[in-house]
């Protein structure tokens, strides 16, 4: 797939607003969205205006390979985790969240050099616990993987202390 074609497929659908993420988190770039090679993962995050639903469009390039010609399961899991975590930040109104448990269900092998959509649905918030659900699928609705995540709100002080 050519670079212009990938960029066109990563663009927002009608009614979506792109989220501008900071170039750096803490001491470096995001493991998923911070890849600059363009041959592993390219990710754009969006909010749908009408219902504030969180989406991502993701290109899985040749350096995301696991089984021959297909995306590595770990790359799919990392994308689902980051999308659920970012959505949880917005939904729970806290940027101090960490993953406590993530479950990934692999449904179909994901061919490389393909742009797919991640759709995130909030579960519930109970005290410091935030549950999220996500699907990684193509534009025709074929599902490649699903994720469920439990994220825990922590104090920003605790987050900063843990990094020292």
C-alpha atoms as a PDB file:
ATOM      1  CA  UNK A   1       0.000   0.000   0.000  1.00  0.00           C
ATOM      2  CA  UNK A   2       1.376   3.441  -0.929  1.00  0.00           C
ATOM      3  CA  UNK A   3       1.965   6.165   1.686  1.00  0.00           C
ATOM      4  CA  UNK A   4      -0.700   8.483   0.203  1.00  0.00           C
ATOM      5  CA  UNK A   5      -3.237   5.659   0.199  1.00  0.00           C
ATOM      6  CA  UNK A   6      -2.489   4.860   3.857  1.00  0.00           C
ATOM      7  CA  UNK A   7      -2.809   8.536   4.865  1.00  0.00           C
ATOM      8  CA  UNK A   8      -6.141   8.783   3.034  1.00  0.00           C
ATOM      9  CA  UNK A   9      -7.484   5.665   4.789  1.00  0.00           C
ATOM     10  CA  UNK A  10      -6.350   6.974   8.190  1.00  0.00           C
ATOM     11  CA  UNK A  11      -8.425  10.167   7.771  1.00  0.00           C
ATOM     12  CA  UNK A  12     -11.517  10.876   9.858  1.00  0.00           C
ATOM     13  CA  UNK A  13     -14.925   9.591   8.876  1.00  0.00           C
ATOM     14  CA  UNK A  14     -17.697  12.146   8.657  1.00  0.00           C
ATOM     15  CA  UNK A  15     -18.641  13.396  12.111  1.00  0.00           C
ATOM     16  CA  UNK A  16     -15.314  12.399  13.699  1.00  0.00           C
ATOM     17  CA  UNK A  17     -12.879  14.844  15.305  1.00  0.00           C
ATOM     18  CA  UNK A  18      -9.191  13.925  15.455  1.00  0.00           C
ATOM     19  CA  UNK A  19      -7.566  13.900  18.886  1.00  0.00           C
ATOM     20  CA  UNK A  20      -4.216  15.624  18.963  1.00  0.00           C
ATOM     21  CA  UNK A  21      -2.101  13.616  21.382  1.00  0.00           C
ATOM     22  CA  UNK A  22       1.049  15.039  22.952  1.00  0.00           C
ATOM     23  CA  UNK A  23       4.180  13.992  21.054  1.00  0.00           C
ATOM     24  CA  UNK A  24       5.705  12.752  24.300  1.00  0.00           C
ATOM     25  CA  UNK A  25       4.393  11.052  27.408  1.00  0.00           C
ATOM     26  CA  UNK A  26       6.658  11.268  30.415  1.00  0.00           C
ATOM     27  CA  UNK A  27      10.142  10.423  29.163  1.00  0.00           C
ATOM     28  CA  UNK A  28       9.406   9.336  25.605  1.00  0.00           C
ATOM     29  CA  UNK A  29       6.911   8.573  22.900  1.00  0.00           C
ATOM     30  CA  UNK A  30       3.905   6.307  23.196  1.00  0.00           C
ATOM     31  CA  UNK A  31       4.855   2.680  22.418  1.00  0.00           C
ATOM     32  CA  UNK A  32       1.943   2.395  19.977  1.00  0.00           C
ATOM     33  CA  UNK A  33       1.113   5.833  18.558  1.00  0.00           C
ATOM     34  CA  UNK A  34       4.669   7.165  18.842  1.00  0.00           C
ATOM     35  CA  UNK A  35       6.167   4.901  16.152  1.00  0.00           C
ATOM     36  CA  UNK A  36       7.864   7.105  13.576  1.00  0.00           C
ATOM     37  CA  UNK A  37       8.981   4.369  11.173  1.00  0.00           C
ATOM     38  CA  UNK A  38       5.628   4.175   9.316  1.00  0.00           C
ATOM     39  CA  UNK A  39       6.423   0.489   8.669  1.00  0.00           C
ATOM     40  CA  UNK A  40       5.159  -0.860  12.002  1.00  0.00           C
ATOM     41  CA  UNK A  41       2.062   0.987  13.238  1.00  0.00           C
ATOM     42  CA  UNK A  42       0.406   4.235  12.238  1.00  0.00           C
ATOM     43  CA  UNK A  43      -2.421   5.350  14.507  1.00  0.00           C
ATOM     44  CA  UNK A  44      -4.909   8.235  14.483  1.00  0.00           C
ATOM     45  CA  UNK A  45      -7.416   8.711  17.312  1.00  0.00           C
ATOM     46  CA  UNK A  46     -10.890  10.226  16.951  1.00  0.00           C
ATOM     47  CA  UNK A  47     -14.023  11.135  18.871  1.00  0.00           C
ATOM     48  CA  UNK A  48     -17.379  10.852  17.120  1.00  0.00           C
ATOM     49  CA  UNK A  49     -19.148  14.171  17.720  1.00  0.00           C
ATOM     50  CA  UNK A  50     -22.720  12.857  18.034  1.00  0.00           C
ATOM     51  CA  UNK A  51     -22.145  10.444  20.925  1.00  0.00           C
ATOM     52  CA  UNK A  52     -18.547  11.132  22.074  1.00  0.00           C
ATOM     53  CA  UNK A  53     -17.584   7.540  21.121  1.00  0.00           C
ATOM     54  CA  UNK A  54     -13.823   6.882  20.852  1.00  0.00           C
ATOM     55  CA  UNK A  55     -12.296   5.412  17.667  1.00  0.00           C
ATOM     56  CA  UNK A  56      -8.880   4.811  16.187  1.00  0.00           C
ATOM     57  CA  UNK A  57      -7.733   4.021  12.685  1.00  0.00           C
ATOM     58  CA  UNK A  58      -4.621   1.875  12.597  1.00  0.00           C
ATOM     59  CA  UNK A  59      -2.280   0.765   9.822  1.00  0.00           C
ATOM     60  CA  UNK A  60      -0.419  -2.475  10.553  1.00  0.00           C
ATOM     61  CA  UNK A  61       2.777  -2.361   8.480  1.00  0.00           C
ATOM     62  CA  UNK A  62       5.384  -4.991   7.695  1.00  0.00           C
ATOM     63  CA  UNK A  63       7.284  -4.501  10.984  1.00  0.00           C
ATOM     64  CA  UNK A  64       4.167  -5.527  12.949  1.00  0.00           C
ATOM     65  CA  UNK A  65       4.465  -9.066  11.548  1.00  0.00           C
ATOM     66  CA  UNK A  66       3.893 -12.139  13.700  1.00  0.00           C
ATOM     67  CA  UNK A  67       2.719 -15.113  11.642  1.00  0.00           C
ATOM     68  CA  UNK A  68       3.894 -14.718   8.030  1.00  0.00           C
ATOM     69  CA  UNK A  69       2.001 -11.879   6.285  1.00  0.00           C
ATOM     70  CA  UNK A  70      -0.147 -11.197   9.370  1.00  0.00           C
ATOM     71  CA  UNK A  71      -0.040  -8.862  12.376  1.00  0.00           C
ATOM     72  CA  UNK A  72       1.580 -10.090  15.574  1.00  0.00           C
ATOM     73  CA  UNK A  73      -0.969 -10.705  18.328  1.00  0.00           C
ATOM     74  CA  UNK A  74       1.071  -8.513  20.664  1.00  0.00           C
ATOM     75  CA  UNK A  75       0.769  -5.575  18.260  1.00  0.00           C
ATOM     76  CA  UNK A  76      -3.009  -6.033  18.181  1.00  0.00           C
ATOM     77  CA  UNK A  77      -3.126  -6.256  21.993  1.00  0.00           C
ATOM     78  CA  UNK A  78      -0.964  -3.130  22.393  1.00  0.00           C
ATOM     79  CA  UNK A  79      -3.240  -1.147  20.066  1.00  0.00           C
ATOM     80  CA  UNK A  80      -6.372  -2.272  21.937  1.00  0.00           C
ATOM     81  CA  UNK A  81      -4.761  -1.482  25.309  1.00  0.00           C
ATOM     82  CA  UNK A  82      -3.675   2.017  24.275  1.00  0.00           C
ATOM     83  CA  UNK A  83      -7.074   2.834  22.724  1.00  0.00           C
ATOM     84  CA  UNK A  84      -8.958   1.596  25.796  1.00  0.00           C
ATOM     85  CA  UNK A  85      -6.565   3.433  28.131  1.00  0.00           C
ATOM     86  CA  UNK A  86      -6.837   6.741  26.267  1.00  0.00           C
ATOM     87  CA  UNK A  87     -10.597   6.425  26.111  1.00  0.00           C
ATOM     88  CA  UNK A  88     -10.699   5.656  29.837  1.00  0.00           C
ATOM     89  CA  UNK A  89      -8.706   8.864  30.498  1.00  0.00           C
ATOM     90  CA  UNK A  90     -11.409  10.891  28.786  1.00  0.00           C
ATOM     91  CA  UNK A  91     -14.347   8.914  30.121  1.00  0.00           C
ATOM     92  CA  UNK A  92     -13.179   8.802  33.745  1.00  0.00           C
ATOM     93  CA  UNK A  93     -11.735  12.346  33.539  1.00  0.00           C
ATOM     94  CA  UNK A  94      -8.373  11.220  34.875  1.00  0.00           C
ATOM     95  CA  UNK A  95      -5.010  10.945  33.131  1.00  0.00           C
ATOM     96  CA  UNK A  96      -3.611   8.978  36.042  1.00  0.00           C
ATOM     97  CA  UNK A  97      -4.884   5.524  35.084  1.00  0.00           C
ATOM     98  CA  UNK A  98      -3.025   2.248  34.768  1.00  0.00           C
ATOM     99  CA  UNK A  99      -4.073  -1.092  33.335  1.00  0.00           C
ATOM    100  CA  UNK A 100      -4.799  -3.738  35.969  1.00  0.00           C
ATOM    101  CA  UNK A 101      -6.133  -6.469  33.692  1.00  0.00           C
ATOM    102  CA  UNK A 102      -6.500  -6.822  29.952  1.00  0.00           C
ATOM    103  CA  UNK A 103      -8.157  -9.708  28.133  1.00  0.00           C
ATOM    104  CA  UNK A 104      -7.695 -10.114  24.391  1.00  0.00           C
ATOM    105  CA  UNK A 105      -9.722 -12.448  22.218  1.00  0.00           C
ATOM    106  CA  UNK A 106      -8.230 -13.183  18.788  1.00  0.00           C
ATOM    107  CA  UNK A 107     -10.962 -13.911  16.262  1.00  0.00           C
ATOM    108  CA  UNK A 108      -9.369 -13.649  12.801  1.00  0.00           C
ATOM    109  CA  UNK A 109      -5.800 -13.241  11.605  1.00  0.00           C
ATOM    110  CA  UNK A 110      -5.144  -9.626  10.574  1.00  0.00           C
ATOM    111  CA  UNK A 111      -3.320  -9.256   7.233  1.00  0.00           C
ATOM    112  CA  UNK A 112      -0.414  -6.797   7.163  1.00  0.00           C
ATOM    113  CA  UNK A 113      -0.553  -3.542   5.162  1.00  0.00           C
ATOM    114  CA  UNK A 114      -4.152  -3.000   6.172  1.00  0.00           C
ATOM    115  CA  UNK A 115      -5.961  -0.092   7.844  1.00  0.00           C
ATOM    116  CA  UNK A 116      -8.471  -1.176  10.481  1.00  0.00           C
ATOM    117  CA  UNK A 117     -10.731   0.553  12.995  1.00  0.00           C
ATOM    118  CA  UNK A 118     -10.708   0.292  16.771  1.00  0.00           C
ATOM    119  CA  UNK A 119     -14.017   1.134  18.407  1.00  0.00           C
ATOM    120  CA  UNK A 120     -14.002   1.598  22.171  1.00  0.00           C
ATOM    121  CA  UNK A 121     -17.079   1.329  24.366  1.00  0.00           C
ATOM    122  CA  UNK A 122     -17.033   2.350  27.998  1.00  0.00           C
ATOM    123  CA  UNK A 123     -18.118  -0.282  30.479  1.00  0.00           C
ATOM    124  CA  UNK A 124     -18.600   1.240  33.910  1.00  0.00           C
ATOM    125  CA  UNK A 125     -16.850   3.287  36.557  1.00  0.00           C
ATOM    126  CA  UNK A 126     -16.935   2.025  40.122  1.00  0.00           C
ATOM    127  CA  UNK A 127     -14.820   4.051  42.513  1.00  0.00           C
ATOM    128  CA  UNK A 128     -11.245   3.917  41.194  1.00  0.00           C
ATOM    129  CA  UNK A 129     -12.043   1.080  38.746  1.00  0.00           C
ATOM    130  CA  UNK A 130     -12.816   1.801  35.086  1.00  0.00           C
ATOM    131  CA  UNK A 131     -13.868  -0.995  32.706  1.00  0.00           C
ATOM    132  CA  UNK A 132     -13.497  -0.627  28.925  1.00  0.00           C
ATOM    133  CA  UNK A 133     -14.302  -2.771  25.864  1.00  0.00           C
ATOM    134  CA  UNK A 134     -12.904  -2.502  22.339  1.00  0.00           C
ATOM    135  CA  UNK A 135     -13.037  -4.202  18.947  1.00  0.00           C
ATOM    136  CA  UNK A 136     -10.477  -4.129  16.169  1.00  0.00           C
ATOM    137  CA  UNK A 137     -12.310  -4.555  12.856  1.00  0.00           C
ATOM    138  CA  UNK A 138     -12.204  -3.598   9.199  1.00  0.00           C
ATOM    139  CA  UNK A 139     -14.549  -1.185   7.431  1.00  0.00           C
ATOM    140  CA  UNK A 140     -16.820  -4.092   6.449  1.00  0.00           C
ATOM    141  CA  UNK A 141     -17.281  -5.103  10.096  1.00  0.00           C
ATOM    142  CA  UNK A 142     -15.002  -8.167  10.091  1.00  0.00           C
ATOM    143  CA  UNK A 143     -13.655  -8.463  13.641  1.00  0.00           C
ATOM    144  CA  UNK A 144      -9.988  -9.378  14.137  1.00  0.00           C
ATOM    145  CA  UNK A 145      -9.794  -9.069  17.919  1.00  0.00           C
ATOM    146  CA  UNK A 146     -11.672  -7.863  20.989  1.00  0.00           C
ATOM    147  CA  UNK A 147     -10.361  -6.463  24.211  1.00  0.00           C
ATOM    148  CA  UNK A 148     -11.669  -5.959  27.721  1.00  0.00           C
ATOM    149  CA  UNK A 149      -9.715  -3.885  30.164  1.00  0.00           C
ATOM    150  CA  UNK A 150      -9.806  -2.901  33.803  1.00  0.00           C
ATOM    151  CA  UNK A 151      -8.023   0.369  34.500  1.00  0.00           C
ATOM    152  CA  UNK A 152      -7.358   1.796  37.953  1.00  0.00           C
ATOM    153  CA  UNK A 153      -7.311   5.499  38.792  1.00  0.00           C
ATOM    154  CA  UNK A 154      -4.208   6.443  40.762  1.00  0.00           C
ATOM    155  CA  UNK A 155      -3.207   9.808  42.160  1.00  0.00           C
ATOM    156  CA  UNK A 156      -0.956  11.911  39.947  1.00  0.00           C
ATOM    157  CA  UNK A 157       1.476  12.054  42.910  1.00  0.00           C
ATOM    158  CA  UNK A 158       1.643   8.263  43.000  1.00  0.00           C
ATOM    159  CA  UNK A 159       2.192   8.171  39.214  1.00  0.00           C
ATOM    160  CA  UNK A 160       5.089  10.622  39.475  1.00  0.00           C
ATOM    161  CA  UNK A 161       6.635   8.837  42.485  1.00  0.00           C
ATOM    162  CA  UNK A 162       6.507   5.505  40.652  1.00  0.00           C
ATOM    163  CA  UNK A 163       8.627   6.985  37.843  1.00  0.00           C
ATOM    164  CA  UNK A 164      11.455   8.100  40.157  1.00  0.00           C
END
